[in-house]
Full PDB file with SEQRES, HELIX, SHEET, SSBOND, CRYST1, ORIGX, SCALE, CONECT and MASTER records, all heavy atoms in Angstrom:
SEQRES   1 A   30  SER ALA PRO LYS THR LEU SER GLY THR SER GLU ARG GLN          
SEQRES   2 A   30  GLY VAL GLU ALA THR LEU THR ARG LEU ARG HIS ALA PRO          
SEQRES   3 A   30  GLN VAL VAL PHE                                              
HELIX    1 AA1 THR A    9  ARG A   23  1                                  15    
CRYST1    1.000    1.000    1.000  90.00  90.00  90.00 P 1           1          
ORIGX1      1.000000  0.000000  0.000000        0.00000                         
ORIGX2      0.000000  1.000000  0.000000        0.00000                         
ORIGX3      0.000000  0.000000  1.000000        0.00000                         
SCALE1      1.000000  0.000000  0.000000        0.00000                         
SCALE2      0.000000  1.000000  0.000000        0.00000                         
SCALE3      0.000000  0.000000  1.000000        0.00000                         
ATOM      1  N   SER A   1    -105.730  24.717  36.627  1.00  0.00           N  
ATOM      2  CA  SER A   1    -106.467  25.260  37.768  1.00  0.00           C  
ATOM      3  C   SER A   1    -105.495  25.713  38.851  1.00  0.00           C  
ATOM      4  O   SER A   1    -104.386  25.193  38.960  1.00  0.00           O  
ATOM      5  CB  SER A   1    -107.420  24.202  38.336  1.00  0.00           C  
ATOM      6  OG  SER A   1    -108.324  23.758  37.345  1.00  0.00           O  
ATOM      7  N   ALA A   2    -105.941  26.707  39.633  1.00  0.00           N  
ATOM      8  CA  ALA A   2    -105.119  27.194  40.751  1.00  0.00           C  
ATOM      9  C   ALA A   2    -104.870  26.051  41.734  1.00  0.00           C  
ATOM     10  O   ALA A   2    -105.713  25.161  41.896  1.00  0.00           O  
ATOM     11  CB  ALA A   2    -105.830  28.351  41.441  1.00  0.00           C  
ATOM     12  N   PRO A   3    -103.729  26.016  42.374  1.00  0.00           N  
ATOM     13  CA  PRO A   3    -102.674  27.043  42.381  1.00  0.00           C  
ATOM     14  C   PRO A   3    -101.620  26.870  41.279  1.00  0.00           C  
ATOM     15  O   PRO A   3    -100.634  27.583  41.259  1.00  0.00           O  
ATOM     16  CB  PRO A   3    -102.042  26.847  43.742  1.00  0.00           C  
ATOM     17  CG  PRO A   3    -102.164  25.375  43.984  1.00  0.00           C  
ATOM     18  CD  PRO A   3    -103.477  24.959  43.378  1.00  0.00           C  
ATOM     19  N   LYS A   4    -101.838  25.922  40.366  1.00  0.00           N  
ATOM     20  CA  LYS A   4    -100.867  25.702  39.305  1.00  0.00           C  
ATOM     21  C   LYS A   4    -100.872  26.871  38.310  1.00  0.00           C  
ATOM     22  O   LYS A   4    -101.870  27.592  38.171  1.00  0.00           O  
ATOM     23  CB  LYS A   4    -101.168  24.410  38.550  1.00  0.00           C  
ATOM     24  CG  LYS A   4    -100.973  23.128  39.333  1.00  0.00           C  
ATOM     25  CD  LYS A   4    -101.251  21.931  38.456  1.00  0.00           C  
ATOM     26  CE  LYS A   4    -101.012  20.617  39.194  1.00  0.00           C  
ATOM     27  NZ  LYS A   4    -101.272  19.444  38.314  1.00  0.00           N  
ATOM     28  N   THR A   5     -99.761  27.017  37.611  1.00  0.00           N  
ATOM     29  CA  THR A   5     -99.676  27.965  36.502  1.00  0.00           C  
ATOM     30  C   THR A   5     -98.947  27.299  35.350  1.00  0.00           C  
ATOM     31  O   THR A   5     -98.248  26.284  35.537  1.00  0.00           O  
ATOM     32  CB  THR A   5     -98.921  29.255  36.893  1.00  0.00           C  
ATOM     33  OG1 THR A   5     -97.531  28.944  37.108  1.00  0.00           O  
ATOM     34  CG2 THR A   5     -99.518  29.890  38.138  1.00  0.00           C  
ATOM     35  N   LEU A   6     -99.082  27.870  34.170  1.00  0.00           N  
ATOM     36  CA  LEU A   6     -98.421  27.314  32.998  1.00  0.00           C  
ATOM     37  C   LEU A   6     -96.932  27.630  32.979  1.00  0.00           C  
ATOM     38  O   LEU A   6     -96.207  27.171  32.087  1.00  0.00           O  
ATOM     39  CB  LEU A   6     -99.085  27.852  31.727  1.00  0.00           C  
ATOM     40  CG  LEU A   6    -100.532  27.385  31.508  1.00  0.00           C  
ATOM     41  CD1 LEU A   6    -101.151  28.116  30.323  1.00  0.00           C  
ATOM     42  CD2 LEU A   6    -100.598  25.882  31.297  1.00  0.00           C  
ATOM     43  N   SER A   7     -96.476  28.400  33.956  1.00  0.00           N  
ATOM     44  CA  SER A   7     -95.050  28.708  34.058  1.00  0.00           C  
ATOM     45  C   SER A   7     -94.308  27.673  34.883  1.00  0.00           C  
ATOM     46  O   SER A   7     -93.070  27.704  34.965  1.00  0.00           O  
ATOM     47  CB  SER A   7     -94.847  30.104  34.674  1.00  0.00           C  
ATOM     48  OG  SER A   7     -95.425  31.089  33.838  1.00  0.00           O  
ATOM     49  N   GLY A   8     -95.047  26.775  35.526  1.00  0.00           N  
ATOM     50  CA  GLY A   8     -94.410  25.712  36.288  1.00  0.00           C  
ATOM     51  C   GLY A   8     -93.548  24.843  35.389  1.00  0.00           C  
ATOM     52  O   GLY A   8     -93.819  24.701  34.186  1.00  0.00           O  
ATOM     53  N   THR A   9     -92.520  24.247  35.953  1.00  0.00           N  
ATOM     54  CA  THR A   9     -91.560  23.483  35.147  1.00  0.00           C  
ATOM     55  C   THR A   9     -92.222  22.374  34.347  1.00  0.00           C  
ATOM     56  O   THR A   9     -92.069  22.277  33.127  1.00  0.00           O  
ATOM     57  CB  THR A   9     -90.470  22.880  36.043  1.00  0.00           C  
ATOM     58  OG1 THR A   9     -89.823  23.930  36.766  1.00  0.00           O  
ATOM     59  CG2 THR A   9     -89.440  22.131  35.203  1.00  0.00           C  
ATOM     60  N   SER A  10     -92.993  21.521  35.020  1.00  0.00           N  
ATOM     61  CA  SER A  10     -93.612  20.389  34.323  1.00  0.00           C  
ATOM     62  C   SER A  10     -94.696  20.854  33.360  1.00  0.00           C  
ATOM     63  O   SER A  10     -94.822  20.324  32.250  1.00  0.00           O  
ATOM     64  CB  SER A  10     -94.203  19.408  35.341  1.00  0.00           C  
ATOM     65  OG  SER A  10     -95.196  20.038  36.133  1.00  0.00           O  
ATOM     66  N   GLU A  11     -95.465  21.873  33.773  1.00  0.00           N  
ATOM     67  CA  GLU A  11     -96.521  22.382  32.906  1.00  0.00           C  
ATOM     68  C   GLU A  11     -95.945  22.984  31.622  1.00  0.00           C  
ATOM     69  O   GLU A  11     -96.445  22.737  30.524  1.00  0.00           O  
ATOM     70  CB  GLU A  11     -97.367  23.429  33.639  1.00  0.00           C  
ATOM     71  CG  GLU A  11     -98.281  22.876  34.722  1.00  0.00           C  
ATOM     72  CD  GLU A  11     -97.529  22.552  36.002  1.00  0.00           C  
ATOM     73  OE1 GLU A  11     -96.349  22.971  36.125  1.00  0.00           O  
ATOM     74  OE2 GLU A  11     -98.105  21.886  36.872  1.00  0.00           O  
ATOM     75  N   ARG A  12     -94.891  23.769  31.776  1.00  0.00           N  
ATOM     76  CA  ARG A  12     -94.285  24.392  30.594  1.00  0.00           C  
ATOM     77  C   ARG A  12     -93.679  23.339  29.682  1.00  0.00           C  
ATOM     78  O   ARG A  12     -93.781  23.431  28.454  1.00  0.00           O  
ATOM     79  CB  ARG A  12     -93.226  25.403  31.016  1.00  0.00           C  
ATOM     80  CG  ARG A  12     -92.556  26.097  29.831  1.00  0.00           C  
ATOM     81  CD  ARG A  12     -91.910  27.386  30.213  1.00  0.00           C  
ATOM     82  NE  ARG A  12     -91.346  28.080  29.056  1.00  0.00           N  
ATOM     83  CZ  ARG A  12     -91.001  29.357  29.028  1.00  0.00           C  
ATOM     84  NH1 ARG A  12     -91.156  30.098  30.129  1.00  0.00           N  
ATOM     85  NH2 ARG A  12     -90.512  29.910  27.942  1.00  0.00           N  
ATOM     86  N   GLN A  13     -93.053  22.339  30.266  1.00  0.00           N  
ATOM     87  CA  GLN A  13     -92.484  21.275  29.450  1.00  0.00           C  
ATOM     88  C   GLN A  13     -93.576  20.540  28.666  1.00  0.00           C  
ATOM     89  O   GLN A  13     -93.396  20.184  27.496  1.00  0.00           O  
ATOM     90  CB  GLN A  13     -91.708  20.298  30.326  1.00  0.00           C  
ATOM     91  CG  GLN A  13     -90.398  20.857  30.872  1.00  0.00           C  
ATOM     92  CD  GLN A  13     -89.702  19.883  31.803  1.00  0.00           C  
ATOM     93  OE1 GLN A  13     -90.284  18.884  32.246  1.00  0.00           O  
ATOM     94  NE2 GLN A  13     -88.437  20.162  32.122  1.00  0.00           N  
ATOM     95  N   GLY A  14     -94.717  20.322  29.317  1.00  0.00           N  
ATOM     96  CA  GLY A  14     -95.827  19.650  28.640  1.00  0.00           C  
ATOM     97  C   GLY A  14     -96.375  20.479  27.492  1.00  0.00           C  
ATOM     98  O   GLY A  14     -96.657  19.957  26.407  1.00  0.00           O  
ATOM     99  N   VAL A  15     -96.515  21.801  27.714  1.00  0.00           N  
ATOM    100  CA  VAL A  15     -97.010  22.687  26.667  1.00  0.00           C  
ATOM    101  C   VAL A  15     -96.031  22.727  25.503  1.00  0.00           C  
ATOM    102  O   VAL A  15     -96.414  22.617  24.326  1.00  0.00           O  
ATOM    103  CB  VAL A  15     -97.236  24.108  27.219  1.00  0.00           C  
ATOM    104  CG1 VAL A  15     -97.518  25.087  26.085  1.00  0.00           C  
ATOM    105  CG2 VAL A  15     -98.386  24.111  28.218  1.00  0.00           C  
ATOM    106  N   GLU A  16     -94.749  22.873  25.808  1.00  0.00           N  
ATOM    107  CA  GLU A  16     -93.746  22.959  24.742  1.00  0.00           C  
ATOM    108  C   GLU A  16     -93.633  21.648  23.972  1.00  0.00           C  
ATOM    109  O   GLU A  16     -93.376  21.643  22.764  1.00  0.00           O  
ATOM    110  CB  GLU A  16     -92.399  23.366  25.341  1.00  0.00           C  
ATOM    111  CG  GLU A  16     -92.383  24.820  25.836  1.00  0.00           C  
ATOM    112  CD  GLU A  16     -91.054  25.221  26.435  1.00  0.00           C  
ATOM    113  OE1 GLU A  16     -90.263  24.311  26.778  1.00  0.00           O  
ATOM    114  OE2 GLU A  16     -90.806  26.438  26.569  1.00  0.00           O  
ATOM    115  N   ALA A  17     -93.822  20.536  24.658  1.00  0.00           N  
ATOM    116  CA  ALA A  17     -93.806  19.242  23.966  1.00  0.00           C  
ATOM    117  C   ALA A  17     -94.977  19.131  22.992  1.00  0.00           C  
ATOM    118  O   ALA A  17     -94.838  18.598  21.886  1.00  0.00           O  
ATOM    119  CB  ALA A  17     -93.850  18.101  24.982  1.00  0.00           C  
ATOM    120  N   THR A  18     -96.124  19.673  23.407  1.00  0.00           N  
ATOM    121  CA  THR A  18     -97.284  19.692  22.515  1.00  0.00           C  
ATOM    122  C   THR A  18     -97.029  20.590  21.309  1.00  0.00           C  
ATOM    123  O   THR A  18     -97.370  20.243  20.171  1.00  0.00           O  
ATOM    124  CB  THR A  18     -98.536  20.169  23.267  1.00  0.00           C  
ATOM    125  OG1 THR A  18     -98.902  19.184  24.243  1.00  0.00           O  
ATOM    126  CG2 THR A  18     -99.705  20.389  22.316  1.00  0.00           C  
ATOM    127  N   LEU A  19     -96.402  21.746  21.544  1.00  0.00           N  
ATOM    128  CA  LEU A  19     -96.079  22.653  20.450  1.00  0.00           C  
ATOM    129  C   LEU A  19     -95.101  22.009  19.467  1.00  0.00           C  
ATOM    130  O   LEU A  19     -95.233  22.168  18.251  1.00  0.00           O  
ATOM    131  CB  LEU A  19     -95.484  23.953  20.999  1.00  0.00           C  
ATOM    132  CG  LEU A  19     -96.407  24.793  21.899  1.00  0.00           C  
ATOM    133  CD1 LEU A  19     -95.659  26.016  22.420  1.00  0.00           C  
ATOM    134  CD2 LEU A  19     -97.662  25.213  21.142  1.00  0.00           C  
ATOM    135  N   THR A  20     -94.135  21.269  20.002  1.00  0.00           N  
ATOM    136  CA  THR A  20     -93.186  20.567  19.136  1.00  0.00           C  
ATOM    137  C   THR A  20     -93.891  19.523  18.289  1.00  0.00           C  
ATOM    138  O   THR A  20     -93.615  19.372  17.089  1.00  0.00           O  
ATOM    139  CB  THR A  20     -92.091  19.900  19.981  1.00  0.00           C  
ATOM    140  OG1 THR A  20     -91.391  20.901  20.715  1.00  0.00           O  
ATOM    141  CG2 THR A  20     -91.110  19.142  19.101  1.00  0.00           C  
ATOM    142  N   ARG A  21     -94.826  18.810  18.911  1.00  0.00           N  
ATOM    143  CA  ARG A  21     -95.590  17.809  18.160  1.00  0.00           C  
ATOM    144  C   ARG A  21     -96.400  18.471  17.045  1.00  0.00           C  
ATOM    145  O   ARG A  21     -96.498  17.940  15.939  1.00  0.00           O  
ATOM    146  CB  ARG A  21     -96.512  17.055  19.119  1.00  0.00           C  
ATOM    147  CG  ARG A  21     -97.426  16.061  18.440  1.00  0.00           C  
ATOM    148  CD  ARG A  21     -98.281  15.289  19.411  1.00  0.00           C  
ATOM    149  NE  ARG A  21     -97.515  14.315  20.170  1.00  0.00           N  
ATOM    150  CZ  ARG A  21     -98.079  13.340  20.892  1.00  0.00           C  
ATOM    151  NH1 ARG A  21     -99.396  13.224  20.940  1.00  0.00           N  
ATOM    152  NH2 ARG A  21     -97.322  12.492  21.552  1.00  0.00           N  
ATOM    153  N   LEU A  22     -96.956  19.637  17.342  1.00  0.00           N  
ATOM    154  CA  LEU A  22     -97.742  20.347  16.338  1.00  0.00           C  
ATOM    155  C   LEU A  22     -96.872  20.808  15.169  1.00  0.00           C  
ATOM    156  O   LEU A  22     -97.293  20.771  14.014  1.00  0.00           O  
ATOM    157  CB  LEU A  22     -98.438  21.554  16.973  1.00  0.00           C  
ATOM    158  CG  LEU A  22     -99.678  21.250  17.817  1.00  0.00           C  
ATOM    159  CD1 LEU A  22    -100.098  22.482  18.625  1.00  0.00           C  
ATOM    160  CD2 LEU A  22    -100.822  20.787  16.927  1.00  0.00           C  
ATOM    161  N   ARG A  23     -95.659  21.259  15.475  1.00  0.00           N  
ATOM    162  CA  ARG A  23     -94.773  21.749  14.413  1.00  0.00           C  
ATOM    163  C   ARG A  23     -94.383  20.636  13.439  1.00  0.00           C  
ATOM    164  O   ARG A  23     -94.039  20.902  12.290  1.00  0.00           O  
ATOM    165  CB  ARG A  23     -93.519  22.381  15.034  1.00  0.00           C  
ATOM    166  CG  ARG A  23     -93.813  23.677  15.788  1.00  0.00           C  
ATOM    167  CD  ARG A  23     -92.531  24.382  16.232  1.00  0.00           C  
ATOM    168  NE  ARG A  23     -92.825  25.590  16.976  1.00  0.00           N  
ATOM    169  CZ  ARG A  23     -92.841  25.671  18.306  1.00  0.00           C  
ATOM    170  NH1 ARG A  23     -92.539  24.600  19.028  1.00  0.00           N  
ATOM    171  NH2 ARG A  23     -93.138  26.806  18.899  1.00  0.00           N  
ATOM    172  N   HIS A  24     -94.418  19.412  13.919  1.00  0.00           N  
ATOM    173  CA  HIS A  24     -94.071  18.272  13.071  1.00  0.00           C  
ATOM    174  C   HIS A  24     -95.316  17.579  12.501  1.00  0.00           C  
ATOM    175  O   HIS A  24     -95.204  16.545  11.852  1.00  0.00           O  
ATOM    176  CB  HIS A  24     -93.240  17.252  13.855  1.00  0.00           C  
ATOM    177  CG  HIS A  24     -91.861  17.750  14.210  1.00  0.00           C  
ATOM    178  ND1 HIS A  24     -91.598  18.455  15.364  1.00  0.00           N  
ATOM    179  CD2 HIS A  24     -90.680  17.661  13.555  1.00  0.00           C  
ATOM    180  CE1 HIS A  24     -90.310  18.768  15.416  1.00  0.00           C  
ATOM    181  NE2 HIS A  24     -89.732  18.298  14.327  1.00  0.00           N  
ATOM    182  N   ALA A  25     -96.488  18.156  12.750  1.00  0.00           N  
ATOM    183  CA  ALA A  25     -97.729  17.560  12.251  1.00  0.00           C  
ATOM    184  C   ALA A  25     -97.866  17.817  10.747  1.00  0.00           C  
ATOM    185  O   ALA A  25     -97.314  18.784  10.216  1.00  0.00           O  
ATOM    186  CB  ALA A  25     -98.924  18.137  13.005  1.00  0.00           C  
ATOM    187  N   PRO A  26     -98.597  16.970  10.041  1.00  0.00           N  
ATOM    188  CA  PRO A  26     -98.761  17.130   8.586  1.00  0.00           C  
ATOM    189  C   PRO A  26     -99.376  18.471   8.211  1.00  0.00           C  
ATOM    190  O   PRO A  26    -100.307  18.936   8.865  1.00  0.00           O  
ATOM    191  CB  PRO A  26     -99.697  15.967   8.215  1.00  0.00           C  
ATOM    192  CG  PRO A  26     -99.515  14.970   9.299  1.00  0.00           C  
ATOM    193  CD  PRO A  26     -99.264  15.763  10.546  1.00  0.00           C  
ATOM    194  N   GLN A  27     -98.826  19.096   7.180  1.00  0.00           N  
ATOM    195  CA  GLN A  27     -99.329  20.313   6.550  1.00  0.00           C  
ATOM    196  C   GLN A  27     -99.197  21.578   7.408  1.00  0.00           C  
ATOM    197  O   GLN A  27     -99.592  22.655   6.964  1.00  0.00           O  
ATOM    198  CB  GLN A  27    -100.798  20.139   6.120  1.00  0.00           C  
ATOM    199  CG  GLN A  27    -100.998  19.095   5.025  1.00  0.00           C  
ATOM    200  CD  GLN A  27    -102.429  18.999   4.574  1.00  0.00           C  
ATOM    201  OE1 GLN A  27    -103.183  18.176   5.077  1.00  0.00           O  
ATOM    202  NE2 GLN A  27    -102.822  19.821   3.618  1.00  0.00           N  
ATOM    203  N   VAL A  28     -98.656  21.487   8.589  1.00  0.00           N  
ATOM    204  CA  VAL A  28     -98.491  22.669   9.440  1.00  0.00           C  
ATOM    205  C   VAL A  28     -97.293  23.483   8.956  1.00  0.00           C  
ATOM    206  O   VAL A  28     -96.214  22.935   8.725  1.00  0.00           O  
ATOM    207  CB  VAL A  28     -98.299  22.268  10.913  1.00  0.00           C  
ATOM    208  CG1 VAL A  28     -97.929  23.488  11.758  1.00  0.00           C  
ATOM    209  CG2 VAL A  28     -99.561  21.615  11.452  1.00  0.00           C  
ATOM    210  N   VAL A  29     -97.478  24.799   8.804  1.00  0.00           N  
ATOM    211  CA  VAL A  29     -96.375  25.656   8.359  1.00  0.00           C  
ATOM    212  C   VAL A  29     -95.887  26.584   9.475  1.00  0.00           C  
ATOM    213  O   VAL A  29     -94.774  27.122   9.386  1.00  0.00           O  
ATOM    214  CB  VAL A  29     -96.785  26.505   7.139  1.00  0.00           C  
ATOM    215  CG1 VAL A  29     -97.037  25.625   5.937  1.00  0.00           C  
ATOM    216  CG2 VAL A  29     -98.006  27.363   7.451  1.00  0.00           C  
ATOM    217  N   PHE A  30     -96.702  26.758  10.512  1.00  0.00           N  
ATOM    218  CA  PHE A  30     -96.282  27.664  11.581  1.00  0.00           C  
ATOM    219  C   PHE A  30     -97.081  27.383  12.848  1.00  0.00           C  
ATOM    220  O   PHE A  30     -98.289  27.127  12.791  1.00  0.00           O  
ATOM    221  CB  PHE A  30     -96.492  29.121  11.164  1.00  0.00           C  
ATOM    222  CG  PHE A  30     -96.213  30.115  12.263  1.00  0.00           C  
ATOM    223  CD1 PHE A  30     -94.908  30.429  12.620  1.00  0.00           C  
ATOM    224  CD2 PHE A  30     -97.260  30.722  12.948  1.00  0.00           C  
ATOM    225  CE1 PHE A  30     -94.650  31.332  13.644  1.00  0.00           C  
ATOM    226  CE2 PHE A  30     -97.016  31.625  13.961  1.00  0.00           C  
ATOM    227  CZ  PHE A  30     -95.705  31.933  14.321  1.00  0.00           C  
TER     228      PHE A  30                                                      
MASTER        0    0    0    1    0    0    0    6  227    1    0    3          
END                                                                             
């Protein structure tokens, strides 16, 4: 929600951490 954006340091780190977790999830290829 405003005024935050996904480009913020903590927000981006949280999103990328989730993406990393997904890449290591079972059966995920991409």
